[in-house]
């Protein structure tokens, strides 16, 4: 792997460490993002922001779009625009179903 991946990896997680790839193209079926097309791999998880009024909750979803965990962070969040763009990358895909359901069932 390239130097950027080596620097961003977490060797304490075992061989291969932990790294990320570009998510552009993950919203189609089958996904055409870097992980799936270039590396022919599945993702361990994808963090997706919930499309509620403030995009202030998230879910972790696996490669099949199943929920692994969810949360509502405290403290500084990424910019609202970044959270919105994160959701738009997965909108209408298997990765968005969980967060769409969370948003629909959220108490205001």
PDB file of N, CA and C in Angstrom:
ATOM      1  N   UNK A   1       0.838  -1.182   0.000  1.00  0.00           N
ATOM      2  CA  UNK A   1       0.000   0.000   0.000  1.00  0.00           C
ATOM      3  C   UNK A   1       0.880   1.241   0.000  1.00  0.00           C
ATOM      4  N   UNK A   2       0.290   2.339  -0.395  1.00  0.00           N
ATOM      5  CA  UNK A   2       1.032   3.585  -0.445  1.00  0.00           C
ATOM      6  C   UNK A   2       1.364   4.134   0.928  1.00  0.00           C
ATOM      7  N   UNK A   3       2.253   5.102   0.960  1.00  0.00           N
ATOM      8  CA  UNK A   3       2.687   5.701   2.217  1.00  0.00           C
ATOM      9  C   UNK A   3       1.520   6.313   2.988  1.00  0.00           C
ATOM     10  N   UNK A   4       0.577   6.940   2.294  1.00  0.00           N
ATOM     11  CA  UNK A   4      -0.578   7.541   2.965  1.00  0.00           C
ATOM     12  C   UNK A   4      -1.385   6.522   3.740  1.00  0.00           C
ATOM     13  N   UNK A   5      -1.569   5.348   3.157  1.00  0.00           N
ATOM     14  CA  UNK A   5      -2.309   4.291   3.846  1.00  0.00           C
ATOM     15  C   UNK A   5      -1.497   3.762   5.021  1.00  0.00           C
ATOM     16  N   UNK A   6      -0.201   3.603   4.823  1.00  0.00           N
ATOM     17  CA  UNK A   6       0.643   3.125   5.928  1.00  0.00           C
ATOM     18  C   UNK A   6       0.584   4.095   7.111  1.00  0.00           C
ATOM     19  N   UNK A   7       0.638   5.400   6.831  1.00  0.00           N
ATOM     20  CA  UNK A   7       0.592   6.396   7.905  1.00  0.00           C
ATOM     21  C   UNK A   7      -0.756   6.393   8.616  1.00  0.00           C
ATOM     22  N   UNK A   8      -1.823   6.157   7.882  1.00  0.00           N
ATOM     23  CA  UNK A   8      -3.170   6.209   8.464  1.00  0.00           C
ATOM     24  C   UNK A   8      -3.610   4.880   9.053  1.00  0.00           C
ATOM     25  N   UNK A   9      -2.819   3.831   8.869  1.00  0.00           N
ATOM     26  CA  UNK A   9      -3.188   2.511   9.373  1.00  0.00           C
ATOM     27  C   UNK A   9      -2.959   2.411  10.872  1.00  0.00           C
ATOM     28  N   UNK A  10      -3.617   1.441  11.469  1.00  0.00           N
ATOM     29  CA  UNK A  10      -3.496   1.177  12.897  1.00  0.00           C
ATOM     30  C   UNK A  10      -2.962  -0.235  13.062  1.00  0.00           C
ATOM     31  N   UNK A  11      -1.643  -0.399  13.122  1.00  0.00           N
ATOM     32  CA  UNK A  11      -1.060  -1.741  13.167  1.00  0.00           C
ATOM     33  C   UNK A  11      -1.513  -2.565  14.371  1.00  0.00           C
ATOM     34  N   UNK A  12      -1.947  -1.904  15.448  1.00  0.00           N
ATOM     35  CA  UNK A  12      -2.417  -2.659  16.613  1.00  0.00           C
ATOM     36  C   UNK A  12      -3.688  -3.451  16.314  1.00  0.00           C
ATOM     37  N   UNK A  13      -4.318  -3.197  15.156  1.00  0.00           N
ATOM     38  CA  UNK A  13      -5.517  -3.940  14.767  1.00  0.00           C
ATOM     39  C   UNK A  13      -5.180  -5.208  13.994  1.00  0.00           C
ATOM     40  N   UNK A  14      -3.892  -5.474  13.805  1.00  0.00           N
ATOM     41  CA  UNK A  14      -3.479  -6.692  13.124  1.00  0.00           C
ATOM     42  C   UNK A  14      -2.977  -6.431  11.725  1.00  0.00           C
ATOM     43  N   UNK A  15      -2.641  -7.494  11.001  1.00  0.00           N
ATOM     44  CA  UNK A  15      -2.118  -7.343   9.647  1.00  0.00           C
ATOM     45  C   UNK A  15      -3.063  -6.529   8.764  1.00  0.00           C
ATOM     46  N   UNK A  16      -2.521  -5.573   8.070  1.00  0.00           N
ATOM     47  CA  UNK A  16      -3.341  -4.720   7.208  1.00  0.00           C
ATOM     48  C   UNK A  16      -3.803  -3.465   7.898  1.00  0.00           C
ATOM     49  N   UNK A  17      -3.772  -3.449   9.234  1.00  0.00           N
ATOM     50  CA  UNK A  17      -4.163  -2.255   9.968  1.00  0.00           C
ATOM     51  C   UNK A  17      -5.581  -1.828   9.660  1.00  0.00           C
ATOM     52  N   UNK A  18      -5.793  -0.554   9.586  1.00  0.00           N
ATOM     53  CA  UNK A  18      -7.099   0.022   9.304  1.00  0.00           C
ATOM     54  C   UNK A  18      -6.889   1.199   8.370  1.00  0.00           C
ATOM     55  N   UNK A  19      -7.684   1.295   7.340  1.00  0.00           N
ATOM     56  CA  UNK A  19      -7.531   2.398   6.411  1.00  0.00           C
ATOM     57  C   UNK A  19      -8.861   2.674   5.732  1.00  0.00           C
ATOM     58  N   UNK A  20      -8.936   3.782   5.045  1.00  0.00           N
ATOM     59  CA  UNK A  20     -10.187   4.156   4.386  1.00  0.00           C
ATOM     60  C   UNK A  20      -9.926   4.452   2.917  1.00  0.00           C
ATOM     61  N   UNK A  21     -11.000   4.433   2.150  1.00  0.00           N
ATOM     62  CA  UNK A  21     -10.924   4.750   0.730  1.00  0.00           C
ATOM     63  C   UNK A  21     -12.025   5.735   0.383  1.00  0.00           C
ATOM     64  N   UNK A  22     -11.974   6.245  -0.807  1.00  0.00           N
ATOM     65  CA  UNK A  22     -12.978   7.185  -1.305  1.00  0.00           C
ATOM     66  C   UNK A  22     -14.343   6.493  -1.385  1.00  0.00           C
ATOM     67  N   UNK A  23     -15.389   7.200  -0.974  1.00  0.00           N
ATOM     68  CA  UNK A  23     -16.733   6.620  -0.966  1.00  0.00           C
ATOM     69  C   UNK A  23     -17.541   6.974  -2.218  1.00  0.00           C
ATOM     70  N   UNK A  24     -17.003   7.819  -3.087  1.00  0.00           N
ATOM     71  CA  UNK A  24     -17.752   8.199  -4.290  1.00  0.00           C
ATOM     72  C   UNK A  24     -18.063   6.945  -5.097  1.00  0.00           C
ATOM     73  N   UNK A  25     -19.327   6.763  -5.425  1.00  0.00           N
ATOM     74  CA  UNK A  25     -19.769   5.598  -6.170  1.00  0.00           C
ATOM     75  C   UNK A  25     -20.371   4.503  -5.309  1.00  0.00           C
ATOM     76  N   UNK A  26     -20.407   4.725  -3.995  1.00  0.00           N
ATOM     77  CA  UNK A  26     -20.962   3.691  -3.112  1.00  0.00           C
ATOM     78  C   UNK A  26     -22.479   3.682  -3.128  1.00  0.00           C
ATOM     79  N   UNK A  27     -23.103   4.660  -3.763  1.00  0.00           N
ATOM     80  CA  UNK A  27     -24.560   4.786  -3.733  1.00  0.00           C
ATOM     81  C   UNK A  27     -25.267   3.991  -4.826  1.00  0.00           C
ATOM     82  N   UNK A  28     -24.519   3.242  -5.629  1.00  0.00           N
ATOM     83  CA  UNK A  28     -25.140   2.436  -6.676  1.00  0.00           C
ATOM     84  C   UNK A  28     -25.032   0.956  -6.305  1.00  0.00           C
ATOM     85  N   UNK A  29     -25.757   0.120  -7.016  1.00  0.00           N
ATOM     86  CA  UNK A  29     -25.737  -1.313  -6.735  1.00  0.00           C
ATOM     87  C   UNK A  29     -25.326  -2.068  -8.000  1.00  0.00           C
ATOM     88  N   UNK A  30     -24.242  -2.800  -7.957  1.00  0.00           N
ATOM     89  CA  UNK A  30     -23.313  -2.932  -6.841  1.00  0.00           C
ATOM     90  C   UNK A  30     -22.474  -1.671  -6.680  1.00  0.00           C
ATOM     91  N   UNK A  31     -21.933  -1.454  -5.475  1.00  0.00           N
ATOM     92  CA  UNK A  31     -21.135  -0.253  -5.236  1.00  0.00           C
ATOM     93  C   UNK A  31     -19.942  -0.173  -6.186  1.00  0.00           C
ATOM     94  N   UNK A  32     -19.623   1.067  -6.590  1.00  0.00           N
ATOM     95  CA  UNK A  32     -18.484   1.298  -7.490  1.00  0.00           C
ATOM     96  C   UNK A  32     -17.481   2.243  -6.851  1.00  0.00           C
ATOM     97  N   UNK A  33     -17.342   2.179  -5.540  1.00  0.00           N
ATOM     98  CA  UNK A  33     -16.344   3.001  -4.857  1.00  0.00           C
ATOM     99  C   UNK A  33     -14.988   2.311  -4.936  1.00  0.00           C
ATOM    100  N   UNK A  34     -13.959   2.967  -4.410  1.00  0.00           N
ATOM    101  CA  UNK A  34     -12.598   2.445  -4.502  1.00  0.00           C
ATOM    102  C   UNK A  34     -12.460   1.086  -3.827  1.00  0.00           C
ATOM    103  N   UNK A  35     -13.038   0.922  -2.654  1.00  0.00           N
ATOM    104  CA  UNK A  35     -12.904  -0.364  -1.945  1.00  0.00           C
ATOM    105  C   UNK A  35     -13.419  -1.508  -2.811  1.00  0.00           C
ATOM    106  N   UNK A  36     -14.580  -1.331  -3.410  1.00  0.00           N
ATOM    107  CA  UNK A  36     -15.203  -2.407  -4.167  1.00  0.00           C
ATOM    108  C   UNK A  36     -14.586  -2.591  -5.556  1.00  0.00           C
ATOM    109  N   UNK A  37     -14.308  -1.510  -6.269  1.00  0.00           N
ATOM    110  CA  UNK A  37     -13.822  -1.616  -7.646  1.00  0.00           C
ATOM    111  C   UNK A  37     -12.319  -1.829  -7.732  1.00  0.00           C
ATOM    112  N   UNK A  38     -11.546  -1.005  -7.046  1.00  0.00           N
ATOM    113  CA  UNK A  38     -10.100  -1.079  -7.180  1.00  0.00           C
ATOM    114  C   UNK A  38      -9.505  -2.204  -6.341  1.00  0.00           C
ATOM    115  N   UNK A  39      -9.983  -2.355  -5.098  1.00  0.00           N
ATOM    116  CA  UNK A  39      -9.407  -3.340  -4.201  1.00  0.00           C
ATOM    117  C   UNK A  39     -10.211  -4.638  -4.132  1.00  0.00           C
ATOM    118  N   UNK A  40     -11.387  -4.677  -4.783  1.00  0.00           N
ATOM    119  CA  UNK A  40     -12.250  -5.875  -4.769  1.00  0.00           C
ATOM    120  C   UNK A  40     -12.470  -6.363  -3.341  1.00  0.00           C
ATOM    121  N   UNK A  41     -12.798  -5.410  -2.463  1.00  0.00           N
ATOM    122  CA  UNK A  41     -12.992  -5.762  -1.058  1.00  0.00           C
ATOM    123  C   UNK A  41     -14.332  -5.245  -0.564  1.00  0.00           C
ATOM    124  N   UNK A  42     -14.711  -5.714   0.586  1.00  0.00           N
ATOM    125  CA  UNK A  42     -15.909  -5.232   1.274  1.00  0.00           C
ATOM    126  C   UNK A  42     -15.462  -4.204   2.292  1.00  0.00           C
ATOM    127  N   UNK A  43     -16.397  -3.394   2.754  1.00  0.00           N
ATOM    128  CA  UNK A  43     -16.067  -2.445   3.810  1.00  0.00           C
ATOM    129  C   UNK A  43     -16.394  -3.072   5.158  1.00  0.00           C
ATOM    130  N   UNK A  44     -15.629  -2.709   6.173  1.00  0.00           N
ATOM    131  CA  UNK A  44     -15.928  -3.164   7.532  1.00  0.00           C
ATOM    132  C   UNK A  44     -17.103  -2.368   8.073  1.00  0.00           C
ATOM    133  N   UNK A  45     -17.093  -1.065   7.858  1.00  0.00           N
ATOM    134  CA  UNK A  45     -18.197  -0.210   8.270  1.00  0.00           C
ATOM    135  C   UNK A  45     -18.106   1.114   7.543  1.00  0.00           C
ATOM    136  N   UNK A  46     -19.221   1.793   7.515  1.00  0.00           N
ATOM    137  CA  UNK A  46     -19.317   3.140   6.944  1.00  0.00           C
ATOM    138  C   UNK A  46     -20.058   3.987   7.970  1.00  0.00           C
ATOM    139  N   UNK A  47     -19.510   5.137   8.327  1.00  0.00           N
ATOM    140  CA  UNK A  47     -20.194   6.076   9.210  1.00  0.00           C
ATOM    141  C   UNK A  47     -21.067   6.959   8.334  1.00  0.00           C
ATOM    142  N   UNK A  48     -22.371   7.006   8.637  1.00  0.00           N
ATOM    143  CA  UNK A  48     -23.318   7.796   7.861  1.00  0.00           C
ATOM    144  C   UNK A  48     -24.098   8.698   8.810  1.00  0.00           C
ATOM    145  N   UNK A  49     -24.111   9.986   8.527  1.00  0.00           N
ATOM    146  CA  UNK A  49     -24.855  10.938   9.354  1.00  0.00           C
ATOM    147  C   UNK A  49     -26.337  10.833   9.059  1.00  0.00           C
ATOM    148  N   UNK A  50     -27.144  10.916  10.101  1.00  0.00           N
ATOM    149  CA  UNK A  50     -28.604  10.813  10.005  1.00  0.00           C
ATOM    150  C   UNK A  50     -29.161  12.124   9.455  1.00  0.00           C
ATOM    151  N   UNK A  51     -30.021  12.043   8.422  1.00  0.00           N
ATOM    152  CA  UNK A  51     -30.571  13.257   7.819  1.00  0.00           C
ATOM    153  C   UNK A  51     -31.723  13.864   8.630  1.00  0.00           C
ATOM    154  N   UNK A  52     -31.444  14.162   9.911  1.00  0.00           N
ATOM    155  CA  UNK A  52     -32.428  14.888  10.715  1.00  0.00           C
ATOM    156  C   UNK A  52     -32.146  16.388  10.538  1.00  0.00           C
ATOM    157  N   UNK A  53     -32.840  17.237  11.267  1.00  0.00           N
ATOM    158  CA  UNK A  53     -32.688  18.684  11.080  1.00  0.00           C
ATOM    159  C   UNK A  53     -31.250  19.175  11.228  1.00  0.00           C
ATOM    160  N   UNK A  54     -30.500  18.582  12.141  1.00  0.00           N
ATOM    161  CA  UNK A  54     -29.143  19.054  12.426  1.00  0.00           C
ATOM    162  C   UNK A  54     -28.040  18.102  11.978  1.00  0.00           C
ATOM    163  N   UNK A  55     -28.410  16.957  11.398  1.00  0.00           N
ATOM    164  CA  UNK A  55     -27.409  15.946  11.033  1.00  0.00           C
ATOM    165  C   UNK A  55     -26.472  15.721  12.211  1.00  0.00           C
ATOM    166  N   UNK A  56     -27.049  15.538  13.405  1.00  0.00           N
ATOM    167  CA  UNK A  56     -26.241  15.448  14.624  1.00  0.00           C
ATOM    168  C   UNK A  56     -26.215  14.051  15.240  1.00  0.00           C
ATOM    169  N   UNK A  57     -26.657  13.059  14.485  1.00  0.00           N
ATOM    170  CA  UNK A  57     -26.580  11.655  14.889  1.00  0.00           C
ATOM    171  C   UNK A  57     -25.939  10.894  13.736  1.00  0.00           C
ATOM    172  N   UNK A  58     -25.393   9.728  14.038  1.00  0.00           N
ATOM    173  CA  UNK A  58     -24.816   8.910  12.983  1.00  0.00           C
ATOM    174  C   UNK A  58     -25.091   7.446  13.263  1.00  0.00           C
ATOM    175  N   UNK A  59     -24.905   6.646  12.229  1.00  0.00           N
ATOM    176  CA  UNK A  59     -24.947   5.196  12.377  1.00  0.00           C
ATOM    177  C   UNK A  59     -23.724   4.623  11.673  1.00  0.00           C
ATOM    178  N   UNK A  60     -23.250   3.516  12.199  1.00  0.00           N
ATOM    179  CA  UNK A  60     -22.231   2.734  11.515  1.00  0.00           C
ATOM    180  C   UNK A  60     -22.963   1.582  10.852  1.00  0.00           C
ATOM    181  N   UNK A  61     -22.745   1.411   9.556  1.00  0.00           N
ATOM    182  CA  UNK A  61     -23.404   0.340   8.817  1.00  0.00           C
ATOM    183  C   UNK A  61     -22.347  -0.558   8.182  1.00  0.00           C
ATOM    184  N   UNK A  62     -22.676  -1.837   8.038  1.00  0.00           N
ATOM    185  CA  UNK A  62     -21.739  -2.766   7.424  1.00  0.00           C
ATOM    186  C   UNK A  62     -21.910  -2.760   5.909  1.00  0.00           C
ATOM    187  N   UNK A  63     -21.202  -3.650   5.240  1.00  0.00           N
ATOM    188  CA  UNK A  63     -21.209  -3.656   3.775  1.00  0.00           C
ATOM    189  C   UNK A  63     -22.557  -4.047   3.193  1.00  0.00           C
ATOM    190  N   UNK A  64     -23.411  -4.661   3.992  1.00  0.00           N
ATOM    191  CA  UNK A  64     -24.756  -4.990   3.526  1.00  0.00           C
ATOM    192  C   UNK A  64     -25.783  -3.922   3.893  1.00  0.00           C
ATOM    193  N   UNK A  65     -25.330  -2.866   4.581  1.00  0.00           N
ATOM    194  CA  UNK A  65     -26.235  -1.800   4.993  1.00  0.00           C
ATOM    195  C   UNK A  65     -26.902  -2.041   6.328  1.00  0.00           C
ATOM    196  N   UNK A  66     -26.455  -3.062   7.059  1.00  0.00           N
ATOM    197  CA  UNK A  66     -27.024  -3.352   8.376  1.00  0.00           C
ATOM    198  C   UNK A  66     -26.399  -2.457   9.435  1.00  0.00           C
ATOM    199  N   UNK A  67     -27.206  -2.029  10.386  1.00  0.00           N
ATOM    200  CA  UNK A  67     -26.716  -1.179  11.465  1.00  0.00           C
ATOM    201  C   UNK A  67     -25.808  -1.969  12.402  1.00  0.00           C
ATOM    202  N   UNK A  68     -24.642  -1.392  12.680  1.00  0.00           N
ATOM    203  CA  UNK A  68     -23.717  -1.964  13.657  1.00  0.00           C
ATOM    204  C   UNK A  68     -23.804  -1.212  14.977  1.00  0.00           C
ATOM    205  N   UNK A  69     -23.983   0.109  14.888  1.00  0.00           N
ATOM    206  CA  UNK A  69     -24.061   0.965  16.073  1.00  0.00           C
ATOM    207  C   UNK A  69     -24.598   2.317  15.634  1.00  0.00           C
ATOM    208  N   UNK A  70     -25.018   3.104  16.620  1.00  0.00           N
ATOM    209  CA  UNK A  70     -25.440   4.482  16.340  1.00  0.00           C
ATOM    210  C   UNK A  70     -25.023   5.351  17.499  1.00  0.00           C
ATOM    211  N   UNK A  71     -24.974   6.643  17.253  1.00  0.00           N
ATOM    212  CA  UNK A  71     -24.575   7.540  18.320  1.00  0.00           C
ATOM    213  C   UNK A  71     -24.941   8.980  18.031  1.00  0.00           C
ATOM    214  N   UNK A  72     -24.823   9.777  19.083  1.00  0.00           N
ATOM    215  CA  UNK A  72     -25.024  11.216  18.989  1.00  0.00           C
ATOM    216  C   UNK A  72     -23.845  11.841  19.728  1.00  0.00           C
ATOM    217  N   UNK A  73     -22.834  12.272  18.971  1.00  0.00           N
ATOM    218  CA  UNK A  73     -21.614  12.764  19.608  1.00  0.00           C
ATOM    219  C   UNK A  73     -21.831  14.074  20.352  1.00  0.00           C
ATOM    220  N   UNK A  74     -20.956  14.314  21.296  1.00  0.00           N
ATOM    221  CA  UNK A  74     -20.942  15.587  22.016  1.00  0.00           C
ATOM    222  C   UNK A  74     -19.656  16.315  21.639  1.00  0.00           C
ATOM    223  N   UNK A  75     -19.609  17.586  21.917  1.00  0.00           N
ATOM    224  CA  UNK A  75     -18.416  18.353  21.564  1.00  0.00           C
ATOM    225  C   UNK A  75     -18.473  18.826  20.132  1.00  0.00           C
ATOM    226  N   UNK A  76     -17.320  19.115  19.597  1.00  0.00           N
ATOM    227  CA  UNK A  76     -17.236  19.637  18.235  1.00  0.00           C
ATOM    228  C   UNK A  76     -17.579  18.557  17.221  1.00  0.00           C
ATOM    229  N   UNK A  77     -18.420  18.912  16.259  1.00  0.00           N
ATOM    230  CA  UNK A  77     -18.790  18.028  15.162  1.00  0.00           C
ATOM    231  C   UNK A  77     -18.131  18.530  13.886  1.00  0.00           C
ATOM    232  N   UNK A  78     -18.001  17.676  12.890  1.00  0.00           N
ATOM    233  CA  UNK A  78     -17.586  18.184  11.581  1.00  0.00           C
ATOM    234  C   UNK A  78     -18.589  19.245  11.120  1.00  0.00           C
ATOM    235  N   UNK A  79     -18.187  20.091  10.225  1.00  0.00           N
ATOM    236  CA  UNK A  79     -19.080  21.141   9.710  1.00  0.00           C
ATOM    237  C   UNK A  79     -20.372  20.521   9.177  1.00  0.00           C
ATOM    238  N   UNK A  80     -21.470  21.222   9.345  1.00  0.00           N
ATOM    239  CA  UNK A  80     -22.772  20.735   8.864  1.00  0.00           C
ATOM    240  C   UNK A  80     -22.691  20.369   7.385  1.00  0.00           C
ATOM    241  N   UNK A  81     -22.028  21.166   6.585  1.00  0.00           N
ATOM    242  CA  UNK A  81     -21.896  20.872   5.152  1.00  0.00           C
ATOM    243  C   UNK A  81     -21.224  19.522   4.936  1.00  0.00           C
ATOM    244  N   UNK A  82     -20.217  19.198   5.719  1.00  0.00           N
ATOM    245  CA  UNK A  82     -19.527  17.913   5.587  1.00  0.00           C
ATOM    246  C   UNK A  82     -20.446  16.753   5.964  1.00  0.00           C
ATOM    247  N   UNK A  83     -21.250  16.938   7.002  1.00  0.00           N
ATOM    248  CA  UNK A  83     -22.181  15.887   7.411  1.00  0.00           C
ATOM    249  C   UNK A  83     -23.258  15.686   6.344  1.00  0.00           C
ATOM    250  N   UNK A  84     -23.734  16.774   5.768  1.00  0.00           N
ATOM    251  CA  UNK A  84     -24.724  16.711   4.695  1.00  0.00           C
ATOM    252  C   UNK A  84     -24.139  16.001   3.473  1.00  0.00           C
ATOM    253  N   UNK A  85     -22.915  16.348   3.093  1.00  0.00           N
ATOM    254  CA  UNK A  85     -22.284  15.717   1.926  1.00  0.00           C
ATOM    255  C   UNK A  85     -22.036  14.227   2.182  1.00  0.00           C
ATOM    256  N   UNK A  86     -21.712  13.862   3.419  1.00  0.00           N
ATOM    257  CA  UNK A  86     -21.541  12.461   3.778  1.00  0.00           C
ATOM    258  C   UNK A  86     -22.831  11.696   3.480  1.00  0.00           C
ATOM    259  N   UNK A  87     -23.955  12.256   3.897  1.00  0.00           N
ATOM    260  CA  UNK A  87     -25.238  11.592   3.644  1.00  0.00           C
ATOM    261  C   UNK A  87     -25.532  11.529   2.153  1.00  0.00           C
ATOM    262  N   UNK A  88     -25.284  12.624   1.451  1.00  0.00           N
ATOM    263  CA  UNK A  88     -25.587  12.647   0.011  1.00  0.00           C
ATOM    264  C   UNK A  88     -24.792  11.612  -0.771  1.00  0.00           C
ATOM    265  N   UNK A  89     -23.593  11.256  -0.280  1.00  0.00           N
ATOM    266  CA  UNK A  89     -22.798  10.219  -0.950  1.00  0.00           C
ATOM    267  C   UNK A  89     -23.497   8.868  -0.947  1.00  0.00           C
ATOM    268  N   UNK A  90     -24.299   8.608   0.074  1.00  0.00           N
ATOM    269  CA  UNK A  90     -24.953   7.307   0.206  1.00  0.00           C
ATOM    270  C   UNK A  90     -26.457   7.361  -0.042  1.00  0.00           C
ATOM    271  N   UNK A  91     -27.004   8.548  -0.227  1.00  0.00           N
ATOM    272  CA  UNK A  91     -28.452   8.724  -0.368  1.00  0.00           C
ATOM    273  C   UNK A  91     -29.028   7.752  -1.397  1.00  0.00           C
ATOM    274  N   UNK A  92     -30.147   7.142  -1.075  1.00  0.00           N
ATOM    275  CA  UNK A  92     -30.876   6.183  -1.917  1.00  0.00           C
ATOM    276  C   UNK A  92     -30.138   4.867  -2.098  1.00  0.00           C
ATOM    277  N   UNK A  93     -29.154   4.585  -1.256  1.00  0.00           N
ATOM    278  CA  UNK A  93     -28.418   3.326  -1.361  1.00  0.00           C
ATOM    279  C   UNK A  93     -28.699   2.455  -0.139  1.00  0.00           C
ATOM    280  N   UNK A  94     -28.157   1.256  -0.170  1.00  0.00           N
ATOM    281  CA  UNK A  94     -28.318   0.341   0.967  1.00  0.00           C
ATOM    282  C   UNK A  94     -27.692   0.916   2.233  1.00  0.00           C
ATOM    283  N   UNK A  95     -26.720   1.806   2.092  1.00  0.00           N
ATOM    284  CA  UNK A  95     -26.063   2.397   3.250  1.00  0.00           C
ATOM    285  C   UNK A  95     -26.918   3.484   3.905  1.00  0.00           C
ATOM    286  N   UNK A  96     -27.930   3.973   3.213  1.00  0.00           N
ATOM    287  CA  UNK A  96     -28.768   5.044   3.749  1.00  0.00           C
ATOM    288  C   UNK A  96     -30.045   4.559   4.420  1.00  0.00           C
ATOM    289  N   UNK A  97     -30.448   3.332   4.172  1.00  0.00           N
ATOM    290  CA  UNK A  97     -31.737   2.857   4.703  1.00  0.00           C
ATOM    291  C   UNK A  97     -31.831   3.006   6.221  1.00  0.00           C
ATOM    292  N   UNK A  98     -30.786   2.633   6.925  1.00  0.00           N
ATOM    293  CA  UNK A  98     -30.808   2.694   8.390  1.00  0.00           C
ATOM    294  C   UNK A  98     -30.959   4.130   8.875  1.00  0.00           C
ATOM    295  N   UNK A  99     -30.160   5.047   8.330  1.00  0.00           N
ATOM    296  CA  UNK A  99     -30.233   6.433   8.818  1.00  0.00           C
ATOM    297  C   UNK A  99     -31.532   7.108   8.405  1.00  0.00           C
ATOM    298  N   UNK A 100     -32.070   6.725   7.249  1.00  0.00           N
ATOM    299  CA  UNK A 100     -33.378   7.264   6.850  1.00  0.00           C
ATOM    300  C   UNK A 100     -34.448   6.833   7.847  1.00  0.00           C
ATOM    301  N   UNK A 101     -34.373   5.584   8.280  1.00  0.00           N
ATOM    302  CA  UNK A 101     -35.342   5.068   9.266  1.00  0.00           C
ATOM    303  C   UNK A 101     -35.168   5.762  10.618  1.00  0.00           C
ATOM    304  N   UNK A 102     -33.914   5.967  11.016  1.00  0.00           N
ATOM    305  CA  UNK A 102     -33.662   6.668  12.275  1.00  0.00           C
ATOM    306  C   UNK A 102     -34.249   8.070  12.215  1.00  0.00           C
ATOM    307  N   UNK A 103     -34.036   8.776  11.102  1.00  0.00           N
ATOM    308  CA  UNK A 103     -34.563  10.139  10.946  1.00  0.00           C
ATOM    309  C   UNK A 103     -36.078  10.147  10.979  1.00  0.00           C
ATOM    310  N   UNK A 104     -36.698   9.181  10.332  1.00  0.00           N
ATOM    311  CA  UNK A 104     -38.157   9.114  10.276  1.00  0.00           C
ATOM    312  C   UNK A 104     -38.767   8.839  11.648  1.00  0.00           C
ATOM    313  N   UNK A 105     -38.035   8.124  12.493  1.00  0.00           N
ATOM    314  CA  UNK A 105     -38.559   7.755  13.808  1.00  0.00           C
ATOM    315  C   UNK A 105     -38.030   8.615  14.954  1.00  0.00           C
ATOM    316  N   UNK A 106     -37.241   9.627  14.625  1.00  0.00           N
ATOM    317  CA  UNK A 106     -36.678  10.495  15.672  1.00  0.00           C
ATOM    318  C   UNK A 106     -37.756  11.376  16.274  1.00  0.00           C
ATOM    319  N   UNK A 107     -37.679  11.522  17.568  1.00  0.00           N
ATOM    320  CA  UNK A 107     -38.594  12.413  18.279  1.00  0.00           C
ATOM    321  C   UNK A 107     -38.016  13.820  18.214  1.00  0.00           C
ATOM    322  N   UNK A 108     -38.847  14.761  17.820  1.00  0.00           N
ATOM    323  CA  UNK A 108     -38.394  16.152  17.699  1.00  0.00           C
ATOM    324  C   UNK A 108     -38.582  16.861  19.016  1.00  0.00           C
TER     325      UNK A 108
END
